[in-house]
Structures are given as structure tokens and as C-alpha cells.
N, C-alpha and C. Protein backbone atom coordinates (compact mmCIF):
# COMPACT_ATOMS: atom_id res chain seq x y z
N MET A 1 4.37 -25.20 -9.04
CA MET A 1 2.88 -24.92 -8.47
C MET A 1 2.31 -23.63 -9.30
N GLY A 2 1.22 -23.74 -9.88
CA GLY A 2 0.58 -22.61 -10.56
C GLY A 2 0.03 -21.58 -9.65
N ARG A 3 0.42 -20.26 -9.78
CA ARG A 3 -0.09 -19.35 -8.92
C ARG A 3 -0.58 -18.07 -9.65
N THR A 4 -1.59 -17.44 -8.98
CA THR A 4 -2.13 -16.23 -9.60
C THR A 4 -1.55 -15.12 -8.81
N GLN A 5 -1.47 -13.85 -9.31
CA GLN A 5 -0.85 -12.68 -8.66
C GLN A 5 -1.52 -12.46 -7.43
N LEU A 6 -0.75 -12.10 -6.32
CA LEU A 6 -1.44 -11.57 -5.09
C LEU A 6 -1.79 -10.36 -5.25
N THR A 7 -2.80 -9.79 -4.32
CA THR A 7 -3.08 -8.48 -4.07
C THR A 7 -1.94 -7.88 -3.06
N ALA A 8 -1.99 -6.62 -2.93
CA ALA A 8 -0.82 -6.11 -1.96
C ALA A 8 -1.13 -6.62 -0.49
N LYS A 9 -2.44 -6.71 -0.14
CA LYS A 9 -2.66 -7.26 1.43
C LYS A 9 -2.52 -8.69 1.54
N GLN A 10 -2.68 -9.38 0.45
CA GLN A 10 -2.48 -10.88 0.46
C GLN A 10 -0.83 -11.06 0.61
N HIS A 11 -0.14 -10.20 -0.17
CA HIS A 11 1.27 -10.52 -0.12
C HIS A 11 1.75 -10.19 1.27
N GLY A 12 1.16 -8.99 1.88
CA GLY A 12 1.58 -8.79 3.27
C GLY A 12 1.30 -9.80 4.17
N PHE A 13 0.00 -10.45 4.10
CA PHE A 13 -0.40 -11.41 4.90
C PHE A 13 0.64 -12.70 4.96
N LEU A 14 0.81 -13.00 3.53
CA LEU A 14 1.75 -14.20 3.47
C LEU A 14 3.11 -14.00 4.10
N GLN A 15 3.69 -12.65 3.79
CA GLN A 15 4.98 -12.52 4.24
C GLN A 15 5.08 -12.48 5.64
N TYR A 16 3.89 -12.02 6.44
CA TYR A 16 3.98 -12.05 7.84
C TYR A 16 4.00 -13.37 8.49
N ILE A 17 3.20 -14.29 7.76
CA ILE A 17 3.48 -15.76 8.14
C ILE A 17 4.76 -16.41 8.02
N ILE A 18 5.29 -16.06 6.68
CA ILE A 18 6.68 -16.66 6.59
C ILE A 18 7.72 -16.15 7.45
N ASP A 19 7.72 -14.67 7.71
CA ASP A 19 8.55 -14.18 8.77
C ASP A 19 8.41 -14.87 10.15
N TYR A 20 7.08 -15.04 10.41
CA TYR A 20 6.91 -15.58 11.82
C TYR A 20 7.38 -16.83 12.01
N VAL A 21 7.04 -17.71 11.04
CA VAL A 21 7.38 -19.19 10.90
C VAL A 21 9.12 -19.24 10.84
N ARG A 22 9.72 -18.36 10.27
CA ARG A 22 10.94 -18.49 10.13
C ARG A 22 11.61 -18.08 11.55
N GLU A 23 11.19 -17.07 12.19
CA GLU A 23 11.62 -16.58 13.50
C GLU A 23 11.34 -17.53 14.70
N ASN A 24 10.10 -18.14 14.61
CA ASN A 24 9.59 -18.87 15.73
C ASN A 24 9.61 -20.35 15.71
N GLY A 25 9.61 -20.73 14.32
CA GLY A 25 9.60 -22.15 14.09
C GLY A 25 8.01 -22.75 14.25
N ILE A 26 7.27 -21.90 14.57
CA ILE A 26 5.82 -22.33 14.64
C ILE A 26 4.80 -21.22 13.89
N TRP A 27 3.56 -21.62 13.80
CA TRP A 27 2.64 -20.54 13.09
C TRP A 27 2.12 -19.60 14.18
N PRO A 28 1.87 -18.34 13.71
CA PRO A 28 1.28 -17.47 14.79
C PRO A 28 -0.19 -18.03 15.00
N THR A 29 -0.72 -17.52 16.27
CA THR A 29 -2.10 -17.85 16.53
C THR A 29 -2.96 -16.91 15.78
N TYR A 30 -4.37 -17.15 15.69
CA TYR A 30 -5.31 -16.43 15.11
C TYR A 30 -5.31 -15.01 15.83
N ARG A 31 -5.14 -14.97 17.10
CA ARG A 31 -5.25 -13.93 17.84
C ARG A 31 -3.96 -12.86 17.46
N GLU A 32 -2.79 -13.47 17.29
CA GLU A 32 -1.72 -12.68 16.95
C GLU A 32 -1.81 -12.16 15.49
N ILE A 33 -2.46 -12.92 14.61
CA ILE A 33 -2.69 -12.47 13.27
C ILE A 33 -3.66 -11.38 13.39
N GLU A 34 -4.85 -11.47 14.17
CA GLU A 34 -5.73 -10.37 14.28
C GLU A 34 -5.18 -9.11 14.67
N ASP A 35 -4.34 -9.30 15.77
CA ASP A 35 -3.66 -8.08 16.40
C ASP A 35 -2.80 -7.38 15.30
N HIS A 36 -2.05 -8.06 14.74
CA HIS A 36 -1.18 -7.64 13.79
C HIS A 36 -1.68 -6.78 12.74
N PHE A 37 -2.68 -7.33 12.20
CA PHE A 37 -3.41 -6.61 10.93
C PHE A 37 -4.69 -5.79 11.49
N GLY A 38 -4.91 -5.81 12.54
CA GLY A 38 -6.25 -5.03 12.97
C GLY A 38 -7.41 -5.72 12.52
N PHE A 39 -7.61 -6.97 12.33
CA PHE A 39 -8.70 -7.61 11.92
C PHE A 39 -9.85 -7.51 13.09
N ARG A 40 -11.04 -7.58 12.78
CA ARG A 40 -12.10 -7.52 13.78
C ARG A 40 -12.50 -8.82 14.27
N SER A 41 -12.27 -9.89 13.49
CA SER A 41 -12.83 -11.17 13.81
C SER A 41 -11.95 -12.22 13.26
N PRO A 42 -11.82 -13.38 13.77
CA PRO A 42 -11.14 -14.45 13.24
C PRO A 42 -11.52 -14.89 11.74
N ASN A 43 -12.67 -14.57 11.49
CA ASN A 43 -13.05 -14.99 10.08
C ASN A 43 -12.25 -14.29 8.98
N SER A 44 -11.80 -13.00 9.36
CA SER A 44 -10.83 -12.31 8.32
C SER A 44 -9.55 -13.16 8.22
N VAL A 45 -9.15 -13.72 9.21
CA VAL A 45 -7.91 -14.62 9.10
C VAL A 45 -8.18 -15.87 8.22
N THR A 46 -9.21 -16.49 8.54
CA THR A 46 -9.68 -17.69 7.80
C THR A 46 -9.86 -17.40 6.38
N GLN A 47 -10.43 -16.27 6.04
CA GLN A 47 -10.75 -15.95 4.57
C GLN A 47 -9.36 -15.64 3.84
N ASN A 48 -8.36 -15.06 4.62
CA ASN A 48 -7.07 -14.89 3.88
C ASN A 48 -6.36 -16.13 3.78
N LEU A 49 -6.42 -17.11 4.82
CA LEU A 49 -5.77 -18.29 4.62
C LEU A 49 -6.41 -19.19 3.33
N ARG A 50 -7.72 -19.05 3.22
CA ARG A 50 -8.39 -19.71 2.11
C ARG A 50 -7.98 -19.15 0.89
N ALA A 51 -7.75 -17.83 0.82
CA ALA A 51 -7.43 -17.22 -0.49
C ALA A 51 -5.86 -17.47 -0.93
N LEU A 52 -5.00 -17.61 -0.03
CA LEU A 52 -3.73 -18.12 -0.27
C LEU A 52 -3.57 -19.65 -0.59
N HIS A 53 -4.54 -20.54 -0.13
CA HIS A 53 -4.54 -21.88 -0.20
C HIS A 53 -5.22 -22.06 -1.75
N ARG A 54 -6.09 -21.30 -2.11
CA ARG A 54 -6.60 -21.24 -3.47
C ARG A 54 -5.56 -21.08 -4.56
N LYS A 55 -4.76 -20.08 -4.17
CA LYS A 55 -3.69 -19.47 -5.00
C LYS A 55 -2.40 -20.36 -5.11
N GLY A 56 -2.42 -21.50 -4.32
CA GLY A 56 -1.39 -22.33 -4.31
C GLY A 56 -0.14 -21.97 -3.44
N LEU A 57 -0.44 -21.09 -2.49
CA LEU A 57 0.68 -20.62 -1.67
C LEU A 57 0.77 -21.25 -0.21
N LEU A 58 -0.35 -21.93 0.11
CA LEU A 58 -0.43 -22.64 1.33
C LEU A 58 -0.80 -24.13 1.05
N GLU A 59 -0.37 -25.00 1.70
CA GLU A 59 -0.77 -26.37 1.73
C GLU A 59 -1.62 -26.83 2.77
N GLN A 60 -2.61 -27.55 2.59
CA GLN A 60 -3.48 -27.91 3.80
C GLN A 60 -3.45 -29.29 4.23
N ASN A 61 -3.25 -29.64 5.59
CA ASN A 61 -3.31 -30.93 6.13
C ASN A 61 -4.54 -30.92 7.05
N GLY A 62 -4.26 -32.00 7.89
CA GLY A 62 -5.47 -32.34 8.78
C GLY A 62 -5.39 -31.39 9.95
N ASN A 63 -4.39 -30.78 10.23
CA ASN A 63 -4.25 -29.77 11.33
C ASN A 63 -4.35 -28.35 10.96
N GLY A 64 -4.61 -28.15 9.59
CA GLY A 64 -4.67 -26.77 9.11
C GLY A 64 -3.95 -26.42 7.77
N TYR A 65 -3.11 -25.36 7.92
CA TYR A 65 -2.25 -25.06 6.72
C TYR A 65 -0.74 -25.22 7.04
N THR A 66 -0.12 -25.29 5.99
CA THR A 66 1.47 -25.29 6.18
C THR A 66 2.03 -24.47 5.00
N LEU A 67 3.23 -24.12 5.24
CA LEU A 67 3.85 -23.41 4.14
C LEU A 67 4.89 -24.35 3.17
N PRO A 68 4.78 -24.29 2.02
CA PRO A 68 5.66 -25.01 1.13
C PRO A 68 7.06 -24.77 1.52
N GLU A 69 8.03 -25.70 1.50
CA GLU A 69 9.42 -25.50 1.79
C GLU A 69 10.00 -24.30 0.94
N GLU A 70 9.60 -24.46 -0.32
CA GLU A 70 10.27 -23.43 -1.26
C GLU A 70 9.93 -22.12 -0.82
N LEU A 71 8.81 -21.77 -0.17
CA LEU A 71 8.45 -20.44 0.24
C LEU A 71 9.29 -19.89 1.32
N LEU A 72 9.50 -20.93 2.30
CA LEU A 72 10.22 -20.64 3.46
C LEU A 72 11.77 -20.44 3.05
N GLU A 73 12.13 -21.10 2.08
CA GLU A 73 13.63 -20.81 1.62
C GLU A 73 13.62 -19.49 0.84
N ARG A 74 12.58 -19.22 0.03
CA ARG A 74 12.61 -18.10 -0.95
C ARG A 74 11.97 -16.77 -0.44
N GLY A 75 11.01 -16.98 0.17
CA GLY A 75 10.06 -15.85 0.64
C GLY A 75 8.84 -15.71 -0.26
N ALA A 76 8.04 -14.75 0.01
CA ALA A 76 6.85 -14.47 -0.82
C ALA A 76 7.31 -13.81 -2.07
N PRO A 77 6.28 -14.06 -3.15
CA PRO A 77 6.68 -13.45 -4.52
C PRO A 77 6.60 -11.94 -4.28
N SER A 78 7.69 -11.26 -4.79
CA SER A 78 7.97 -9.94 -4.66
C SER A 78 7.96 -9.18 -5.88
N SER A 79 7.61 -9.78 -7.04
CA SER A 79 7.78 -9.32 -8.27
C SER A 79 6.65 -10.00 -9.30
N ILE A 80 6.40 -9.22 -10.29
CA ILE A 80 5.27 -9.65 -11.35
C ILE A 80 6.15 -10.02 -12.59
N PRO A 81 6.01 -11.30 -12.96
CA PRO A 81 6.74 -11.69 -14.28
C PRO A 81 6.15 -11.15 -15.47
N ILE A 82 7.15 -10.65 -16.34
CA ILE A 82 6.84 -10.11 -17.78
C ILE A 82 6.90 -11.38 -18.52
N ARG A 83 5.83 -11.79 -19.26
CA ARG A 83 5.75 -12.97 -19.98
C ARG A 83 5.78 -12.88 -21.41
N GLY A 84 5.90 -11.60 -22.02
CA GLY A 84 5.65 -11.43 -23.46
C GLY A 84 5.19 -10.08 -23.95
N ILE A 85 4.79 -9.92 -25.09
CA ILE A 85 4.37 -8.78 -25.81
C ILE A 85 2.94 -9.00 -26.42
N ILE A 86 1.99 -7.98 -26.17
CA ILE A 86 0.73 -8.22 -26.61
C ILE A 86 0.50 -6.81 -27.39
N THR A 87 -0.19 -6.90 -28.63
CA THR A 87 -0.30 -5.75 -29.51
C THR A 87 -1.61 -5.00 -28.95
N ALA A 88 -1.48 -3.72 -28.99
CA ALA A 88 -2.56 -2.79 -28.79
C ALA A 88 -3.18 -2.27 -30.19
N GLY A 89 -2.84 -2.81 -31.22
CA GLY A 89 -3.30 -2.31 -32.39
C GLY A 89 -3.92 -3.42 -33.15
N VAL A 90 -3.54 -3.81 -34.43
CA VAL A 90 -4.21 -4.93 -35.15
C VAL A 90 -3.79 -6.31 -34.59
N LEU A 91 -4.53 -7.35 -34.89
CA LEU A 91 -4.17 -8.73 -34.42
C LEU A 91 -2.84 -9.05 -35.09
N GLN A 92 -1.93 -9.58 -34.09
CA GLN A 92 -0.61 -10.01 -34.58
C GLN A 92 -0.42 -11.32 -33.78
N GLU A 93 0.83 -11.93 -34.24
CA GLU A 93 1.12 -13.26 -33.54
C GLU A 93 1.52 -13.04 -32.22
N ALA A 94 1.24 -13.89 -31.36
CA ALA A 94 1.53 -13.77 -29.92
C ALA A 94 3.05 -13.87 -29.76
N VAL A 95 3.62 -13.03 -28.87
CA VAL A 95 5.11 -13.05 -28.53
C VAL A 95 5.05 -13.60 -27.09
N ASP A 96 5.64 -14.76 -26.81
CA ASP A 96 5.66 -15.48 -25.59
C ASP A 96 7.20 -15.50 -25.15
N ALA A 97 7.68 -14.80 -24.16
CA ALA A 97 9.02 -14.86 -23.79
C ALA A 97 9.19 -14.33 -22.39
N ARG A 98 10.20 -14.71 -21.80
CA ARG A 98 10.56 -14.14 -20.40
C ARG A 98 11.27 -12.85 -20.59
N MET A 99 10.73 -11.84 -20.09
CA MET A 99 11.24 -10.43 -20.26
C MET A 99 11.53 -9.73 -19.08
N GLY A 100 11.84 -10.54 -17.91
CA GLY A 100 12.03 -9.82 -16.79
C GLY A 100 10.96 -9.70 -15.75
N GLU A 101 10.98 -8.77 -14.88
CA GLU A 101 9.97 -8.65 -13.85
C GLU A 101 9.65 -7.31 -13.58
N ILE A 102 8.54 -7.02 -13.03
CA ILE A 102 8.18 -5.69 -12.50
C ILE A 102 8.12 -5.79 -11.03
N THR A 103 9.07 -5.00 -10.41
CA THR A 103 9.16 -5.03 -9.04
C THR A 103 8.57 -3.66 -8.31
N LEU A 104 8.76 -3.40 -7.03
CA LEU A 104 8.36 -2.27 -6.53
C LEU A 104 9.17 -1.19 -7.02
N GLU A 105 10.36 -1.61 -7.05
CA GLU A 105 11.49 -0.64 -7.50
C GLU A 105 11.14 -0.06 -8.90
N THR A 106 10.53 -0.94 -9.77
CA THR A 106 10.00 -0.49 -11.10
C THR A 106 8.83 0.52 -11.10
N LEU A 107 7.93 0.23 -9.99
CA LEU A 107 6.88 1.18 -9.87
C LEU A 107 7.19 2.41 -9.20
N PHE A 108 8.12 2.26 -8.20
CA PHE A 108 8.58 3.45 -7.44
C PHE A 108 10.20 3.50 -7.52
N PRO A 109 10.62 4.22 -8.44
CA PRO A 109 12.17 4.39 -8.68
C PRO A 109 12.77 4.86 -7.38
N ASN A 110 12.22 5.66 -6.53
CA ASN A 110 12.75 6.26 -5.27
C ASN A 110 12.22 5.44 -4.14
N LEU A 111 12.30 4.18 -4.18
CA LEU A 111 11.67 3.47 -3.05
C LEU A 111 12.20 3.67 -1.69
N ASP A 112 13.60 3.91 -1.74
CA ASP A 112 14.29 4.19 -0.52
C ASP A 112 13.78 5.42 0.29
N ARG A 113 13.07 6.19 -0.39
CA ARG A 113 12.53 7.56 0.23
C ARG A 113 11.07 7.42 0.42
N ILE A 114 10.39 6.21 0.35
CA ILE A 114 8.91 6.28 0.41
C ILE A 114 8.59 5.34 1.68
N TYR A 115 7.49 5.84 2.34
CA TYR A 115 7.00 5.12 3.55
C TYR A 115 5.53 5.15 3.46
N ALA A 116 4.94 4.45 4.29
CA ALA A 116 3.36 4.33 4.29
C ALA A 116 2.81 4.67 5.56
N LEU A 117 1.65 5.34 5.59
CA LEU A 117 0.84 5.50 6.76
C LEU A 117 -0.55 5.10 6.43
N ARG A 118 -1.17 4.57 7.55
CA ARG A 118 -2.59 4.02 7.30
C ARG A 118 -3.59 5.31 7.42
N VAL A 119 -4.46 5.46 6.57
CA VAL A 119 -5.38 6.52 6.55
C VAL A 119 -6.62 6.11 7.55
N SER A 120 -6.93 7.23 8.36
CA SER A 120 -8.06 7.24 9.11
C SER A 120 -8.90 8.38 8.81
N GLY A 121 -10.13 8.11 8.25
CA GLY A 121 -11.09 9.26 7.84
C GLY A 121 -11.41 9.24 6.47
N TYR A 122 -12.27 10.26 6.04
CA TYR A 122 -12.98 10.10 4.91
C TYR A 122 -12.71 11.47 4.04
N SER A 123 -11.87 12.32 4.51
CA SER A 123 -11.68 13.64 3.84
C SER A 123 -11.19 13.62 2.52
N MET A 124 -10.43 12.64 2.15
CA MET A 124 -9.86 12.42 0.85
C MET A 124 -10.39 11.39 -0.33
N SER A 125 -11.63 11.16 0.23
CA SER A 125 -12.38 10.11 -0.45
C SER A 125 -12.57 10.67 -2.11
N GLY A 126 -12.57 11.89 -2.39
CA GLY A 126 -12.90 12.39 -3.69
C GLY A 126 -11.60 12.20 -4.45
N ALA A 127 -10.43 12.00 -3.83
CA ALA A 127 -9.09 11.68 -4.52
C ALA A 127 -8.99 10.14 -4.61
N ASP A 128 -9.99 9.35 -4.36
CA ASP A 128 -9.91 7.91 -4.27
C ASP A 128 -9.03 7.38 -3.09
N ILE A 129 -8.71 8.15 -2.07
CA ILE A 129 -7.93 7.59 -0.96
C ILE A 129 -9.05 7.55 0.24
N HIS A 130 -9.36 6.26 0.77
CA HIS A 130 -10.40 6.05 1.60
C HIS A 130 -9.86 5.58 2.98
N ASP A 131 -10.80 5.64 3.92
CA ASP A 131 -10.35 5.11 5.23
C ASP A 131 -9.96 3.82 5.27
N GLY A 132 -8.68 3.29 5.91
CA GLY A 132 -8.18 2.16 5.91
C GLY A 132 -7.11 1.96 4.86
N ASP A 133 -7.19 2.70 3.82
CA ASP A 133 -5.99 2.51 2.82
C ASP A 133 -4.74 2.84 3.40
N TYR A 134 -3.68 2.44 2.75
CA TYR A 134 -2.31 2.90 3.09
C TYR A 134 -1.76 3.86 2.22
N VAL A 135 -1.55 5.27 2.65
CA VAL A 135 -1.00 6.11 1.52
C VAL A 135 0.41 6.07 1.66
N LEU A 136 1.16 6.14 0.33
CA LEU A 136 2.45 6.15 0.18
C LEU A 136 2.91 7.42 -0.01
N LEU A 137 4.03 7.80 0.97
CA LEU A 137 4.44 9.24 1.00
C LEU A 137 6.01 9.13 0.83
N MET A 138 6.49 10.20 -0.02
CA MET A 138 7.86 10.34 -0.39
C MET A 138 8.54 11.43 0.49
N ASP A 139 9.54 11.33 1.01
CA ASP A 139 10.28 12.35 1.68
C ASP A 139 10.66 13.50 0.77
N ASP A 140 9.79 14.47 0.60
CA ASP A 140 9.91 15.48 -0.47
C ASP A 140 9.09 16.46 -0.22
N ASP A 141 9.34 17.76 -0.93
CA ASP A 141 8.38 18.80 -0.68
C ASP A 141 7.16 18.66 -1.61
N ILE A 142 6.16 19.25 -1.18
CA ILE A 142 4.95 19.21 -1.69
C ILE A 142 4.47 20.29 -2.62
N PRO A 143 4.44 20.13 -4.09
CA PRO A 143 4.08 21.33 -4.87
C PRO A 143 2.78 21.97 -4.46
N ASN A 144 2.76 23.21 -4.88
CA ASN A 144 1.41 23.83 -4.58
C ASN A 144 0.17 23.28 -5.19
N GLY A 145 -0.74 22.99 -4.37
CA GLY A 145 -1.92 22.05 -4.97
C GLY A 145 -1.90 20.69 -5.00
N GLY A 146 -0.55 20.19 -4.42
CA GLY A 146 -0.37 18.71 -4.36
C GLY A 146 -0.87 18.08 -3.09
N ILE A 147 -1.02 16.75 -2.92
CA ILE A 147 -1.43 15.99 -1.86
C ILE A 147 -0.32 15.53 -0.92
N GLY A 148 -0.56 15.85 0.32
CA GLY A 148 0.65 15.44 1.20
C GLY A 148 0.28 15.43 2.56
N ALA A 149 1.15 15.06 3.36
CA ALA A 149 0.86 14.96 4.89
C ALA A 149 1.72 16.18 5.57
N VAL A 150 1.12 16.84 6.52
CA VAL A 150 1.58 17.83 7.21
C VAL A 150 1.42 17.61 8.80
N LEU A 151 2.49 18.11 9.41
CA LEU A 151 2.39 18.03 11.01
C LEU A 151 2.50 19.41 11.48
N TYR A 152 1.48 19.74 12.27
CA TYR A 152 1.25 20.99 12.88
C TYR A 152 0.82 20.95 14.36
N ASP A 153 1.45 21.45 15.25
CA ASP A 153 1.11 21.59 16.53
C ASP A 153 0.99 20.20 17.26
N GLY A 154 1.66 19.18 16.88
CA GLY A 154 1.49 17.84 17.30
C GLY A 154 0.46 16.98 16.61
N GLU A 155 -0.30 17.65 15.58
CA GLU A 155 -1.37 16.90 14.87
C GLU A 155 -1.06 16.90 13.37
N THR A 156 -1.61 15.73 12.79
CA THR A 156 -1.30 15.50 11.33
C THR A 156 -2.52 15.51 10.57
N SER A 157 -2.29 15.71 9.22
CA SER A 157 -3.42 15.63 8.24
C SER A 157 -2.86 15.36 6.89
N LEU A 158 -3.76 14.61 6.08
CA LEU A 158 -3.41 14.36 4.75
C LEU A 158 -4.50 15.31 3.84
N LYS A 159 -4.07 16.13 3.19
CA LYS A 159 -4.94 17.03 2.29
C LYS A 159 -4.13 17.51 1.04
N ARG A 160 -5.00 18.29 0.26
CA ARG A 160 -4.44 18.91 -0.89
C ARG A 160 -3.87 20.36 -0.28
N ILE A 161 -2.70 20.72 -0.59
CA ILE A 161 -1.98 21.68 0.14
C ILE A 161 -1.66 22.93 -0.77
N TYR A 162 -2.12 24.05 -0.38
CA TYR A 162 -1.82 25.40 -0.96
C TYR A 162 -1.05 26.24 -0.07
N TYR A 163 -0.15 27.00 -0.71
CA TYR A 163 0.61 27.98 0.11
C TYR A 163 0.17 29.48 -0.18
N ASP A 164 0.18 30.21 1.04
CA ASP A 164 0.05 31.56 0.68
C ASP A 164 0.91 32.35 1.66
N GLU A 165 0.80 33.70 1.64
CA GLU A 165 1.76 34.42 2.45
C GLU A 165 1.74 34.25 3.99
N ARG A 166 0.51 33.68 4.46
CA ARG A 166 0.35 33.56 5.82
C ARG A 166 0.64 32.28 6.29
N GLY A 167 0.68 31.20 5.46
CA GLY A 167 0.76 29.83 5.91
C GLY A 167 0.20 28.90 4.76
N LEU A 168 -0.60 27.92 5.26
CA LEU A 168 -1.05 26.88 4.48
C LEU A 168 -2.67 26.73 4.35
N ARG A 169 -3.00 26.34 3.28
CA ARG A 169 -4.46 26.04 3.25
C ARG A 169 -4.70 24.55 2.76
N LEU A 170 -5.14 23.82 3.66
CA LEU A 170 -5.36 22.31 3.50
C LEU A 170 -6.82 22.19 3.01
N GLU A 171 -6.87 21.58 1.76
CA GLU A 171 -8.19 21.32 1.26
C GLU A 171 -8.64 19.83 1.22
N PRO A 172 -9.67 19.52 1.68
CA PRO A 172 -10.12 18.14 1.63
C PRO A 172 -10.62 17.85 0.20
N ALA A 173 -10.73 16.51 -0.12
CA ALA A 173 -11.36 16.16 -1.41
C ALA A 173 -12.73 15.46 -1.09
N ASN A 174 -13.42 15.93 -0.24
CA ASN A 174 -14.84 15.57 0.13
C ASN A 174 -15.45 16.80 0.76
N GLU A 175 -16.54 17.12 0.17
CA GLU A 175 -17.31 18.45 0.46
C GLU A 175 -17.88 18.31 1.88
N ASP A 176 -17.98 17.25 2.49
CA ASP A 176 -18.43 17.09 3.82
C ASP A 176 -17.36 17.63 4.84
N TYR A 177 -16.29 17.83 4.49
CA TYR A 177 -15.27 18.34 5.34
C TYR A 177 -14.87 19.82 5.14
N GLU A 178 -14.35 20.51 6.06
CA GLU A 178 -14.03 21.94 5.90
C GLU A 178 -12.54 22.13 5.60
N THR A 179 -12.25 23.18 5.10
CA THR A 179 -10.88 23.55 4.62
C THR A 179 -10.09 23.82 6.02
N ILE A 180 -8.93 23.61 6.13
CA ILE A 180 -8.14 23.82 7.38
C ILE A 180 -7.14 24.91 6.85
N HIS A 181 -7.11 26.06 7.62
CA HIS A 181 -6.14 27.18 7.59
C HIS A 181 -5.07 27.12 8.56
N ILE A 182 -3.87 27.07 8.27
CA ILE A 182 -2.75 27.18 9.09
C ILE A 182 -2.01 28.48 9.13
N HIS A 183 -1.98 29.28 10.14
CA HIS A 183 -1.28 30.40 10.18
C HIS A 183 -0.38 30.34 11.50
N PRO A 184 0.72 29.76 11.35
CA PRO A 184 1.60 29.60 12.55
C PRO A 184 2.26 30.92 13.05
N ASP A 185 2.43 31.03 14.32
CA ASP A 185 3.13 32.08 14.77
C ASP A 185 4.60 31.81 14.87
N VAL A 186 5.47 32.65 15.10
CA VAL A 186 6.98 32.52 15.15
C VAL A 186 7.51 31.22 15.81
N PHE A 187 6.80 30.90 16.97
CA PHE A 187 7.22 29.81 17.76
C PHE A 187 6.64 28.41 17.55
N GLU A 188 5.74 28.40 16.43
CA GLU A 188 5.03 27.15 16.10
C GLU A 188 5.69 26.64 14.77
N GLU A 189 5.82 25.24 14.68
CA GLU A 189 6.48 24.58 13.55
C GLU A 189 5.38 23.99 12.74
N VAL A 190 5.48 24.08 11.44
CA VAL A 190 4.76 23.32 10.42
C VAL A 190 5.83 22.50 9.69
N ARG A 191 5.58 21.15 9.61
CA ARG A 191 6.46 20.30 9.03
C ARG A 191 5.84 19.42 7.93
N ILE A 192 6.36 19.33 6.93
CA ILE A 192 5.96 18.51 5.66
C ILE A 192 6.44 17.10 5.95
N LEU A 193 5.52 16.23 6.23
CA LEU A 193 5.86 14.79 6.38
C LEU A 193 6.15 14.00 5.22
N GLY A 194 5.59 14.28 3.97
CA GLY A 194 5.72 13.63 2.82
C GLY A 194 4.78 14.07 1.69
N ARG A 195 5.26 13.82 0.57
CA ARG A 195 4.35 14.02 -0.62
C ARG A 195 3.74 12.79 -1.09
N TYR A 196 2.38 12.82 -1.44
CA TYR A 196 1.83 11.63 -1.82
C TYR A 196 2.22 11.23 -3.15
N VAL A 197 2.53 9.79 -3.26
CA VAL A 197 2.80 9.29 -4.57
C VAL A 197 2.02 8.02 -4.92
N GLY A 198 1.10 7.62 -3.98
CA GLY A 198 0.18 6.46 -4.35
C GLY A 198 -0.41 6.06 -2.98
N HIS A 199 -1.17 4.96 -3.26
CA HIS A 199 -1.87 4.33 -2.02
C HIS A 199 -2.02 2.80 -2.39
N VAL A 200 -2.20 2.15 -1.28
CA VAL A 200 -2.51 0.58 -1.42
C VAL A 200 -3.73 0.32 -0.64
N ASN A 201 -4.60 -0.50 -1.21
CA ASN A 201 -5.80 -1.03 -0.56
C ASN A 201 -5.92 -2.43 -1.07
N ARG A 202 -7.15 -2.89 -0.72
CA ARG A 202 -7.43 -4.29 -1.08
C ARG A 202 -7.50 -4.71 -2.60
N SER A 203 -7.60 -3.62 -3.42
CA SER A 203 -7.65 -3.77 -4.88
C SER A 203 -6.30 -3.65 -5.41
N GLY A 204 -5.23 -3.17 -4.75
CA GLY A 204 -3.92 -3.16 -5.23
C GLY A 204 -3.14 -1.94 -5.05
N ILE A 205 -2.15 -1.77 -5.81
CA ILE A 205 -1.22 -0.40 -5.63
C ILE A 205 -1.79 0.58 -6.78
N PHE A 206 -2.04 1.76 -6.23
CA PHE A 206 -2.29 2.94 -7.18
C PHE A 206 -1.11 4.11 -7.09
N LYS A 207 -0.61 4.44 -8.21
CA LYS A 207 0.23 5.56 -8.24
C LYS A 207 -0.46 6.81 -8.46
N ARG A 208 0.19 7.82 -8.12
CA ARG A 208 -0.25 9.19 -8.34
C ARG A 208 -0.58 9.38 -9.91
N THR A 209 -1.52 10.03 -10.23
CA THR A 209 -1.87 10.21 -11.71
C THR A 209 -0.88 11.24 -12.34
N ALA A 210 -0.33 10.67 -13.41
CA ALA A 210 0.80 11.51 -14.12
C ALA A 210 0.19 12.89 -14.57
N GLY A 211 0.81 13.88 -14.46
CA GLY A 211 0.41 15.07 -15.02
C GLY A 211 -0.39 15.96 -14.02
N ARG A 212 -0.85 15.50 -12.86
CA ARG A 212 -1.42 16.30 -11.94
C ARG A 212 -0.49 16.47 -10.66
N ALA A 213 -0.89 17.66 -10.17
CA ALA A 213 0.00 18.02 -8.83
C ALA A 213 -0.67 17.18 -7.81
N ALA A 214 0.23 16.22 -7.20
CA ALA A 214 -0.36 15.39 -6.13
C ALA A 214 0.79 14.79 -5.53
């Protein structure tokens, strides 16, 4: 079956269906899919199903869609095949070969320390992190001026973080939002939830830009 690469959200959508069918023996209802992904209408479910069908990952019959047996046995694609070498200089003969795969572990070597949170709000849009994106955080300290998530007094925020002698300064990446100053007293706790290492949205997976504090 010829297939093109899935986006991160299409991969998650397909994996949810596979897991559901494996566990329950039947397909999830439209309402269950809507609730799981937070879709606002059944049309979003239909669009995702059609996209997976076009990419050869769902089969269609008179009653709707079905999963190919090979997917139920193997699961959704979890890697990108490396099919050869292409020159970035002068024209050269094409090198076509199987050279392994790019996996999430390739993109994020410390995958076991990474988790995701869904972004709500627009204060980091200047850093290309938008409402509805899934920000990827590593269980690690945040360097001065780096982007990360902080918990303070029961509330959380994703910002660019600066340290001073009194506490923290949380700077947005959107001029419509104000800087937040945190000066906790001795009984208040400020906890670093994670350092930003990338984010995921409908366009794909984006890693932190190398060479920048983030």
C-alpha cells in the first residue's frame, strides 16, 4: 500500500482508532472521537477519516471505513524511512538505498524525560507557539532567558523565564501581554515544570532552535 507521511495529529488520530478497535473490537463513535480530541463538530472527524483514506491507511466499504489487518497487527507508522542520499551541492547521481529510519527517539534523544501540555492562550505567539499547540517539555532546569513552564501558587504559565535576586520574571512573546513578576515569600513554592524543547501542531513537529536559550 503506497502511503505518504502523516502529520503528527493524523498519526495520533490513527493510533487512537487502532488502540480503540484493539481494545473494544468495534470502532469508536463520532461522539467518542470528538470528545477525545476536543473537536467542535463531526465534520472534523470526517475530514480526518478522509485524509487517512486518501493516504491509504483506511479502507472504505458500504458501512464506512475499516482498518487494514496489517495496521491492527503492526500499529500506526511510528518512523520516517530514510530512502537514500541527495546532494546539496552540484548535481550528482542519485543514491537510492534503505538507510534506516528517523524515529521520535532520533528527534528527541531524551524522550523518556519529555511530556506534552496543550497550550491555551496567545502570549507565546511571537515564539511560534500558538493556542491549541502541544508544547513539549523536558524534565529539566530552564536556563536564564529560556522558555519553560512554571507552577506558582496553584497556577501555571508558559513564558520566557529570567531569574533575579527576588524571584522570577516571566516574559511573554506577544506585546499584547504583560510581563509577570514572581516574588514568593518563604512559605510559597515556585516549581519548574519543564524546559521547552519543541512543540507539535497541525503542521508537524518543531524542535527548539539550536543556539538559542529556549
